[in-house]
Amino acid sequence: MAISFQDTGVGIPEARLELIGRPFYTTKSKGMGLGLSIVKQVVEKHGGTINVKSKLGKGSTFTIQIPVQTRDETTSNLLIG
């Protein structure tokens, strides 16, 4: 399953893309830099990924991908242990 979020903000410079998701990294004067870091941890604990594409002056798109199990797969995993 994939979910994408897009904005039409100022975009993110390429040099800063690798810093996104690091705890306490922020460019905001009142930000703590924990929001995206927490999201990244939750997504990764579920076996997923979060990716970002950005264009300066155009905005950014964040895509979260999480593997989805069918009900049968979930039940089988619980029974097997």
N, C-alpha and C. Protein backbone atom coordinates (compact mmCIF):
# COMPACT_ATOMS: atom_id res chain seq x y z
N MET A 1 0.85 -1.17 0.00
CA MET A 1 0.00 0.00 0.00
C MET A 1 0.90 1.23 0.00
N ALA A 2 0.54 2.22 -0.77
CA ALA A 2 1.30 3.46 -0.83
C ALA A 2 0.37 4.65 -0.64
N ILE A 3 0.86 5.61 0.12
CA ILE A 3 0.13 6.86 0.35
C ILE A 3 1.10 8.00 0.07
N SER A 4 0.65 8.99 -0.71
CA SER A 4 1.49 10.14 -1.03
C SER A 4 0.85 11.42 -0.52
N PHE A 5 1.70 12.32 -0.04
CA PHE A 5 1.30 13.64 0.42
C PHE A 5 2.11 14.65 -0.37
N GLN A 6 1.43 15.64 -0.92
CA GLN A 6 2.11 16.62 -1.76
C GLN A 6 1.79 18.02 -1.26
N ASP A 7 2.79 18.91 -1.31
CA ASP A 7 2.53 20.30 -1.00
C ASP A 7 3.03 21.18 -2.15
N THR A 8 2.69 22.43 -2.09
CA THR A 8 3.12 23.37 -3.12
C THR A 8 3.99 24.45 -2.49
N GLY A 9 4.79 24.04 -1.51
CA GLY A 9 5.66 24.97 -0.79
C GLY A 9 6.90 25.34 -1.59
N VAL A 10 7.92 25.74 -0.86
CA VAL A 10 9.14 26.23 -1.49
C VAL A 10 10.06 25.11 -1.96
N GLY A 11 9.79 23.88 -1.55
CA GLY A 11 10.64 22.76 -1.91
C GLY A 11 11.80 22.61 -0.94
N ILE A 12 12.55 21.54 -1.11
CA ILE A 12 13.66 21.23 -0.21
C ILE A 12 14.92 21.13 -1.05
N PRO A 13 15.95 21.90 -0.69
CA PRO A 13 17.21 21.80 -1.43
C PRO A 13 17.76 20.37 -1.39
N GLU A 14 18.36 19.93 -2.47
CA GLU A 14 18.86 18.56 -2.58
C GLU A 14 19.83 18.21 -1.44
N ALA A 15 20.66 19.13 -1.04
CA ALA A 15 21.62 18.88 0.03
C ALA A 15 20.93 18.58 1.37
N ARG A 16 19.72 19.04 1.54
CA ARG A 16 19.00 18.81 2.80
C ARG A 16 18.11 17.57 2.78
N LEU A 17 17.88 17.00 1.61
CA LEU A 17 17.00 15.83 1.52
C LEU A 17 17.49 14.67 2.38
N GLU A 18 18.80 14.47 2.44
CA GLU A 18 19.33 13.35 3.23
C GLU A 18 19.19 13.58 4.74
N LEU A 19 18.96 14.82 5.15
CA LEU A 19 18.81 15.13 6.58
C LEU A 19 17.38 14.93 7.08
N ILE A 20 16.44 14.87 6.16
CA ILE A 20 15.04 14.73 6.54
C ILE A 20 14.83 13.41 7.27
N GLY A 21 14.14 13.47 8.37
CA GLY A 21 13.85 12.26 9.15
C GLY A 21 14.83 12.03 10.28
N ARG A 22 15.88 12.81 10.34
CA ARG A 22 16.82 12.69 11.46
C ARG A 22 16.23 13.39 12.68
N PRO A 23 16.33 12.77 13.84
CA PRO A 23 15.79 13.41 15.05
C PRO A 23 16.43 14.78 15.28
N PHE A 24 15.60 15.73 15.62
CA PHE A 24 15.98 17.10 15.97
C PHE A 24 16.47 17.95 14.81
N TYR A 25 16.35 17.46 13.57
CA TYR A 25 16.69 18.28 12.42
C TYR A 25 15.45 19.07 12.02
N THR A 26 15.58 20.38 11.97
CA THR A 26 14.48 21.23 11.54
C THR A 26 15.03 22.51 10.92
N THR A 27 14.23 23.10 10.06
CA THR A 27 14.56 24.41 9.50
C THR A 27 13.60 25.46 10.03
N LYS A 28 12.70 25.05 10.92
CA LYS A 28 11.69 25.96 11.47
C LYS A 28 12.17 26.55 12.79
N SER A 29 11.87 27.81 13.01
CA SER A 29 12.32 28.48 14.23
C SER A 29 11.64 27.92 15.49
N LYS A 30 10.43 27.41 15.34
CA LYS A 30 9.72 26.87 16.50
C LYS A 30 9.55 25.36 16.43
N GLY A 31 10.22 24.72 15.51
CA GLY A 31 10.09 23.27 15.35
C GLY A 31 11.04 22.51 16.28
N MET A 32 10.65 21.29 16.61
CA MET A 32 11.49 20.42 17.43
C MET A 32 12.26 19.42 16.56
N GLY A 33 11.80 19.19 15.35
CA GLY A 33 12.48 18.24 14.47
C GLY A 33 12.21 16.79 14.83
N LEU A 34 11.06 16.52 15.42
CA LEU A 34 10.74 15.15 15.81
C LEU A 34 9.60 14.54 15.02
N GLY A 35 8.75 15.32 14.42
CA GLY A 35 7.56 14.81 13.73
C GLY A 35 7.88 13.78 12.66
N LEU A 36 8.67 14.15 11.69
CA LEU A 36 8.99 13.24 10.59
C LEU A 36 9.87 12.08 11.07
N SER A 37 10.70 12.34 12.07
CA SER A 37 11.54 11.29 12.64
C SER A 37 10.67 10.19 13.26
N ILE A 38 9.62 10.58 13.96
CA ILE A 38 8.70 9.60 14.58
C ILE A 38 7.94 8.85 13.50
N VAL A 39 7.46 9.56 12.50
CA VAL A 39 6.75 8.91 11.39
C VAL A 39 7.65 7.88 10.72
N LYS A 40 8.90 8.25 10.47
CA LYS A 40 9.85 7.34 9.82
C LYS A 40 10.05 6.08 10.66
N GLN A 41 10.20 6.22 11.96
CA GLN A 41 10.38 5.06 12.84
C GLN A 41 9.16 4.14 12.80
N VAL A 42 7.97 4.70 12.86
CA VAL A 42 6.75 3.89 12.84
C VAL A 42 6.63 3.14 11.51
N VAL A 43 6.85 3.85 10.41
CA VAL A 43 6.76 3.23 9.09
C VAL A 43 7.77 2.10 8.95
N GLU A 44 9.01 2.33 9.36
CA GLU A 44 10.05 1.30 9.25
C GLU A 44 9.77 0.10 10.16
N LYS A 45 9.20 0.32 11.33
CA LYS A 45 8.85 -0.80 12.22
C LYS A 45 7.76 -1.68 11.62
N HIS A 46 7.00 -1.14 10.68
CA HIS A 46 5.98 -1.91 9.98
C HIS A 46 6.51 -2.46 8.65
N GLY A 47 7.82 -2.39 8.45
CA GLY A 47 8.43 -2.93 7.24
C GLY A 47 8.29 -2.04 6.03
N GLY A 48 8.00 -0.78 6.26
CA GLY A 48 7.77 0.14 5.15
C GLY A 48 8.91 1.12 4.92
N THR A 49 8.67 2.00 3.98
CA THR A 49 9.65 3.03 3.63
C THR A 49 8.94 4.37 3.47
N ILE A 50 9.70 5.43 3.61
CA ILE A 50 9.19 6.77 3.33
C ILE A 50 10.21 7.45 2.42
N ASN A 51 9.72 8.00 1.32
CA ASN A 51 10.57 8.65 0.34
C ASN A 51 10.06 10.05 0.07
N VAL A 52 10.97 10.93 -0.34
CA VAL A 52 10.58 12.29 -0.66
C VAL A 52 11.21 12.70 -1.99
N LYS A 53 10.41 13.39 -2.79
CA LYS A 53 10.88 14.02 -4.01
C LYS A 53 10.52 15.49 -3.88
N SER A 54 11.43 16.35 -4.26
CA SER A 54 11.20 17.77 -4.09
C SER A 54 11.80 18.57 -5.23
N LYS A 55 11.12 19.65 -5.59
CA LYS A 55 11.62 20.58 -6.60
C LYS A 55 11.54 21.99 -6.00
N LEU A 56 12.67 22.68 -6.02
CA LEU A 56 12.69 24.03 -5.48
C LEU A 56 11.68 24.91 -6.21
N GLY A 57 10.92 25.65 -5.44
CA GLY A 57 9.91 26.53 -5.99
C GLY A 57 8.62 25.83 -6.40
N LYS A 58 8.57 24.51 -6.32
CA LYS A 58 7.39 23.75 -6.74
C LYS A 58 6.74 22.98 -5.59
N GLY A 59 7.54 22.48 -4.65
CA GLY A 59 6.98 21.72 -3.53
C GLY A 59 7.60 20.34 -3.41
N SER A 60 7.01 19.55 -2.51
CA SER A 60 7.54 18.23 -2.19
C SER A 60 6.44 17.19 -2.19
N THR A 61 6.83 15.95 -2.46
CA THR A 61 5.91 14.82 -2.37
C THR A 61 6.57 13.76 -1.50
N PHE A 62 5.86 13.39 -0.44
CA PHE A 62 6.30 12.32 0.45
C PHE A 62 5.46 11.09 0.15
N THR A 63 6.11 9.95 -0.02
CA THR A 63 5.40 8.70 -0.30
C THR A 63 5.76 7.68 0.77
N ILE A 64 4.73 7.15 1.43
CA ILE A 64 4.89 6.12 2.44
C ILE A 64 4.40 4.82 1.85
N GLN A 65 5.25 3.79 1.92
CA GLN A 65 4.86 2.46 1.45
C GLN A 65 4.95 1.49 2.62
N ILE A 66 3.87 0.75 2.84
CA ILE A 66 3.82 -0.24 3.91
C ILE A 66 3.28 -1.53 3.31
N PRO A 67 3.97 -2.67 3.55
CA PRO A 67 3.46 -3.94 3.04
C PRO A 67 2.13 -4.29 3.72
N VAL A 68 1.23 -4.83 2.94
CA VAL A 68 -0.09 -5.19 3.46
C VAL A 68 -0.23 -6.70 3.42
N GLN A 69 -0.69 -7.27 4.52
CA GLN A 69 -0.95 -8.70 4.58
C GLN A 69 -2.44 -8.94 4.47
N THR A 70 -2.79 -10.03 3.81
CA THR A 70 -4.20 -10.40 3.78
C THR A 70 -4.57 -10.99 5.13
N ARG A 71 -5.83 -11.12 5.39
CA ARG A 71 -6.30 -11.69 6.67
C ARG A 71 -5.76 -13.11 6.84
N ASP A 72 -5.72 -13.91 5.77
CA ASP A 72 -5.20 -15.28 5.84
C ASP A 72 -3.73 -15.29 6.21
N GLU A 73 -2.94 -14.37 5.65
CA GLU A 73 -1.51 -14.31 5.97
C GLU A 73 -1.31 -13.94 7.43
N THR A 74 -2.08 -13.00 7.93
CA THR A 74 -1.97 -12.58 9.32
C THR A 74 -2.31 -13.72 10.25
N THR A 75 -3.39 -14.44 9.97
CA THR A 75 -3.81 -15.57 10.79
C THR A 75 -2.75 -16.67 10.75
N SER A 76 -2.20 -16.98 9.59
CA SER A 76 -1.16 -18.00 9.46
C SER A 76 0.06 -17.64 10.28
N ASN A 77 0.47 -16.38 10.24
CA ASN A 77 1.62 -15.95 11.02
C ASN A 77 1.39 -16.10 12.51
N LEU A 78 0.18 -15.82 12.95
CA LEU A 78 -0.13 -15.95 14.37
C LEU A 78 -0.11 -17.41 14.80
N LEU A 79 -0.59 -18.29 13.96
CA LEU A 79 -0.65 -19.71 14.30
C LEU A 79 0.73 -20.35 14.30
N ILE A 80 1.59 -19.90 13.38
CA ILE A 80 2.92 -20.48 13.26
C ILE A 80 3.83 -19.92 14.35
N GLY A 81 3.60 -18.70 14.71
CA GLY A 81 4.37 -18.12 15.81
C GLY A 81 5.35 -17.13 15.36
